[in-house]
Protein backbone atom coordinates (compact mmCIF):
# COMPACT_ATOMS: atom_id res chain seq x y z
CA UNK A 1 0.00 0.00 0.00
CA UNK A 2 2.82 2.39 0.93
CA UNK A 3 4.58 1.53 -2.33
CA UNK A 4 1.49 2.38 -4.40
CA UNK A 5 1.11 5.69 -2.57
CA UNK A 6 4.77 6.50 -3.22
CA UNK A 7 4.33 5.69 -6.95
CA UNK A 8 1.31 8.01 -7.14
CA UNK A 9 3.19 10.83 -5.40
CA UNK A 10 6.15 10.40 -7.77
CA UNK A 11 3.79 10.44 -10.75
CA UNK A 12 2.10 13.61 -9.51
CA UNK A 13 5.50 15.25 -9.06
CA UNK A 14 6.70 14.29 -12.55
CA UNK A 15 3.45 14.87 -14.47
CA UNK A 16 2.78 18.38 -13.26
CA UNK A 17 1.06 19.30 -16.55
CA UNK A 18 -1.52 16.59 -15.87
CA UNK A 19 -2.17 17.15 -12.18
CA UNK A 20 -1.59 20.94 -12.08
CA UNK A 21 -2.32 22.17 -15.63
CA UNK A 22 -2.62 25.83 -14.60
CA UNK A 23 0.58 26.01 -12.56
CA UNK A 24 3.47 28.30 -13.60
CA UNK A 25 5.57 25.26 -14.55
CA UNK A 26 2.79 23.89 -16.75
CA UNK A 27 2.59 27.27 -18.47
CA UNK A 28 6.29 27.01 -19.26
CA UNK A 29 5.73 23.63 -20.90
CA UNK A 30 2.98 25.21 -22.98
CA UNK A 31 5.43 27.94 -23.99
CA UNK A 32 7.87 25.25 -25.13
CA UNK A 33 5.03 23.64 -27.10
CA UNK A 34 4.23 26.97 -28.76
CA UNK A 35 7.85 27.52 -29.73
CA UNK A 36 8.09 24.03 -31.20
CA UNK A 37 4.92 24.67 -33.22
CA UNK A 38 6.27 28.01 -34.47
CA UNK A 39 9.56 26.39 -35.48
CA UNK A 40 7.61 24.35 -38.03
CA UNK A 41 7.20 27.06 -40.67
CA UNK A 42 7.76 24.88 -43.73
CA UNK A 43 7.08 21.44 -42.26
CA UNK A 44 4.82 20.31 -39.43
CA UNK A 45 6.68 18.67 -36.55
CA UNK A 46 5.23 15.17 -36.35
CA UNK A 47 8.18 13.45 -34.69
CA UNK A 48 10.12 14.97 -31.81
CA UNK A 49 13.13 13.57 -29.98
CA UNK A 50 14.05 14.72 -26.47
CA UNK A 51 17.49 13.99 -25.06
CA UNK A 52 20.23 15.40 -22.83
CA UNK A 53 24.01 15.44 -22.78
CA UNK A 54 24.28 13.26 -19.67
CA UNK A 55 22.12 11.36 -17.16
CA UNK A 56 19.93 12.87 -14.43
CA UNK A 57 19.28 16.13 -16.29
CA UNK A 58 15.49 15.85 -16.38
CA UNK A 59 14.88 14.69 -19.95
CA UNK A 60 12.35 11.97 -19.06
CA UNK A 61 10.28 14.33 -16.92
CA UNK A 62 10.48 16.96 -19.66
CA UNK A 63 9.43 14.58 -22.44
CA UNK A 64 6.49 13.21 -20.43
CA UNK A 65 5.14 16.70 -19.73
CA UNK A 66 5.64 17.80 -23.33
CA UNK A 67 3.63 14.78 -24.45
CA UNK A 68 0.83 15.78 -22.07
CA UNK A 69 0.64 19.41 -23.27
CA UNK A 70 0.64 18.39 -26.94
CA UNK A 71 -2.22 15.97 -26.18
CA UNK A 72 -4.04 18.76 -24.31
CA UNK A 73 -3.86 20.73 -27.55
CA UNK A 74 -6.05 18.06 -29.15
CA UNK A 75 -3.35 16.14 -31.00
CA UNK A 76 -3.33 12.35 -30.94
CA UNK A 77 0.11 11.84 -29.35
CA UNK A 78 2.24 8.73 -28.90
CA UNK A 79 5.00 8.93 -26.29
CA UNK A 80 7.69 6.33 -27.00
CA UNK A 81 10.24 5.28 -24.42
CA UNK A 82 13.19 4.73 -26.75
CA UNK A 83 15.68 4.66 -23.89
CA UNK A 84 16.38 0.97 -24.38
CA UNK A 85 19.03 0.99 -21.66
CA UNK A 86 17.36 2.69 -18.69
CA UNK A 87 13.63 3.02 -19.48
CA UNK A 88 11.45 4.95 -17.01
CA UNK A 89 8.16 5.86 -18.76
CA UNK A 90 6.36 2.77 -17.43
CA UNK A 91 7.10 3.95 -13.88
CA UNK A 92 5.88 7.48 -14.61
CA UNK A 93 2.56 6.28 -16.03
CA UNK A 94 2.15 3.24 -13.79
CA UNK A 95 2.05 0.51 -16.43
CA UNK A 96 3.96 -2.74 -16.95
CA UNK A 97 6.90 -3.06 -19.34
CA UNK A 98 6.59 -6.68 -20.46
CA UNK A 99 6.18 -5.56 -24.07
CA UNK A 100 6.74 -2.34 -25.99
CA UNK A 101 8.98 -0.80 -28.65
CA UNK A 102 11.39 -3.74 -28.83
CA UNK A 103 8.59 -6.26 -29.29
CA UNK A 104 7.15 -4.13 -32.10
CA UNK A 105 10.52 -3.73 -33.85
CA UNK A 106 11.18 -7.47 -33.66
CA UNK A 107 7.65 -8.08 -35.00
CA UNK A 108 6.53 -10.10 -32.04
CA UNK A 109 3.56 -7.76 -31.61
CA UNK A 110 1.76 -5.16 -33.71
CA UNK A 111 2.09 -1.47 -32.88
CA UNK A 112 -1.47 -0.89 -31.75
CA UNK A 113 -1.52 -4.06 -29.64
CA UNK A 114 1.61 -2.85 -27.81
CA UNK A 115 0.39 0.73 -27.23
CA UNK A 116 -0.99 1.65 -23.79
CA UNK A 117 -3.82 4.10 -23.26
CA UNK A 118 -3.33 6.70 -20.52
CA UNK A 119 -5.80 8.69 -18.46
CA UNK A 120 -4.77 11.81 -20.37
CA UNK A 121 -7.11 12.30 -23.31
CA UNK A 122 -5.40 11.72 -26.70
CA UNK A 123 -2.12 10.60 -25.07
CA UNK A 124 -0.87 7.06 -25.69
CA UNK A 125 2.27 5.36 -24.43
CA UNK A 126 4.61 2.80 -25.93
CA UNK A 127 7.03 1.58 -23.28
CA UNK A 128 10.50 0.31 -24.15
CA UNK A 129 9.71 -3.38 -23.86
CA UNK A 130 12.41 -5.90 -22.91
CA UNK A 131 15.90 -4.38 -22.99
CA UNK A 132 17.75 -5.72 -26.07
CA UNK A 133 21.48 -6.52 -26.40
CA UNK A 134 21.81 -4.18 -29.42
CA UNK A 135 19.79 -0.96 -28.87
CA UNK A 136 21.59 1.24 -31.45
CA UNK A 137 21.34 -1.41 -34.18
CA UNK A 138 17.64 -1.92 -33.45
CA UNK A 139 16.92 1.83 -33.64
CA UNK A 140 18.77 2.14 -36.97
CA UNK A 141 17.11 -0.90 -38.55
CA UNK A 142 14.63 -1.02 -41.42
CA UNK A 143 12.07 -2.07 -38.85
CA UNK A 144 12.41 1.41 -37.33
CA UNK A 145 11.67 3.04 -40.69
CA UNK A 146 8.56 0.88 -40.95
CA UNK A 147 7.68 1.88 -37.39
CA UNK A 148 7.61 5.56 -38.40
CA UNK A 149 5.26 4.77 -41.29
CA UNK A 150 2.88 2.98 -38.96
CA UNK A 151 3.02 5.69 -36.29
CA UNK A 152 2.32 8.50 -38.78
CA UNK A 153 -0.74 6.58 -40.00
CA UNK A 154 -2.16 6.29 -36.47
CA UNK A 155 -1.02 9.42 -34.62
CA UNK A 156 -0.63 13.15 -35.19
CA UNK A 157 2.64 13.26 -33.28
CA UNK A 158 5.23 10.87 -31.85
CA UNK A 159 7.63 11.98 -29.11
CA UNK A 160 10.70 9.93 -28.21
CA UNK A 161 12.52 9.75 -24.89
CA UNK A 162 16.10 8.67 -25.68
CA UNK A 163 19.37 8.03 -23.79
CA UNK A 164 21.88 10.86 -23.17
CA UNK A 165 23.82 11.86 -26.29
CA UNK A 166 27.30 11.62 -24.80
CA UNK A 167 26.72 8.20 -23.26
CA UNK A 168 25.70 6.15 -26.31
CA UNK A 169 24.91 6.63 -30.01
CA UNK A 170 21.19 5.74 -29.76
CA UNK A 171 19.96 9.36 -29.75
CA UNK A 172 22.03 10.33 -32.78
CA UNK A 173 20.72 7.34 -34.72
CA UNK A 174 17.10 8.25 -33.99
CA UNK A 175 17.49 12.04 -34.22
CA UNK A 176 18.40 11.67 -37.87
CA UNK A 177 14.94 10.18 -38.49
CA UNK A 178 12.92 12.77 -36.51
CA UNK A 179 11.53 16.14 -37.61
CA UNK A 180 13.06 17.89 -34.61
CA UNK A 181 15.21 17.42 -31.52
CA UNK A 182 15.12 19.19 -28.16
CA UNK A 183 18.12 19.10 -25.81
CA UNK A 184 17.53 19.26 -22.05
CA UNK A 185 20.25 20.80 -19.84
CA UNK A 186 20.28 20.98 -16.06
CA UNK A 187 20.81 24.41 -14.53
CA UNK A 188 23.92 24.29 -12.40
CA UNK A 189 24.50 20.67 -13.37
CA UNK A 190 25.25 20.38 -17.08
CA UNK A 191 28.70 21.62 -18.02
CA UNK A 192 28.71 24.10 -20.91
CA UNK A 193 31.25 22.07 -22.85
CA UNK A 194 29.13 18.93 -22.48
CA UNK A 195 26.04 20.74 -23.78
CA UNK A 196 28.01 22.12 -26.74
CA UNK A 197 29.46 18.70 -27.54
CA UNK A 198 26.01 17.09 -27.38
CA UNK A 199 24.61 19.71 -29.78
CA UNK A 200 27.56 19.21 -32.15
CA UNK A 201 27.12 15.44 -32.15
CA UNK A 202 23.43 15.79 -32.95
CA UNK A 203 24.13 18.23 -35.77
CA UNK A 204 26.85 15.95 -37.15
CA UNK A 205 24.14 13.41 -38.03
CA UNK A 206 21.97 16.14 -39.60
CA UNK A 207 19.58 16.30 -36.65
CA UNK A 208 17.38 19.39 -36.61
CA UNK A 209 18.03 20.84 -33.15
CA UNK A 210 15.04 23.07 -32.42
CA UNK A 211 16.26 24.43 -29.11
CA UNK A 212 17.25 23.81 -25.51
CA UNK A 213 15.21 23.39 -22.33
CA UNK A 214 16.92 24.80 -19.23
CA UNK A 215 15.73 22.61 -16.40
CA UNK A 216 15.60 23.22 -12.63
CA UNK A 217 16.40 26.93 -12.75
CA UNK A 218 15.41 28.39 -9.39
CA UNK A 219 13.31 31.55 -9.43
CA UNK A 220 11.24 33.42 -6.88
CA UNK A 221 7.77 32.02 -6.40
CA UNK A 222 8.36 28.67 -8.13
CA UNK A 223 10.44 25.61 -7.46
CA UNK A 224 11.38 24.99 -11.07
CA UNK A 225 11.55 26.97 -14.25
CA UNK A 226 11.67 25.53 -17.73
CA UNK A 227 12.96 27.71 -20.52
CA UNK A 228 13.04 27.07 -24.23
CA UNK A 229 15.71 28.79 -26.27
CA UNK A 230 16.42 28.48 -29.95
CA UNK A 231 19.92 27.42 -30.92
């Protein structure tokens, strides 16, 4: 019982846009959403990748809340946990992770059979599924190209949570396939050189870096402040 209560409290803390949609932090996520929408002058952003330079910088919390605010806009959104090394989305949304992205890519299950509904209207979740021995190869496979075709046929937008850029190549592999990429940096935690290197590595694979989210910036009156800045 105590464990369930703790999970609910953690979920409430992470999904602030769901539980406190009118809070100052939620408004900042909506500002990020607006900026992403405005960045799509010539081409609508239908696939978005969110990553960071290193671990523990808030990317998973950021991506989950972005998925919520895009769904609140009336878009049919699929959040994909493509962190095939340290997946967390199933914890955030309180679902199991016995199947997911990896089972779809290996054709053990169809996309729509693997997708979870959430209690946020228009928001759907595809967890990582069983952790594979070859994440980067799986994400760069032809099966992944087919996955995009299927997702675009079923959803208005797909948002990927991926591993940190400087840790493994997974994010670079997937960023090349997405319409846009957002980099999360931790205020007072991410080193400037690390952030620059992450951005350079993404751009080296022709990723379209839309901007940066500054996470955990302390300001008067709020605990956290999220800021979106164009590159």
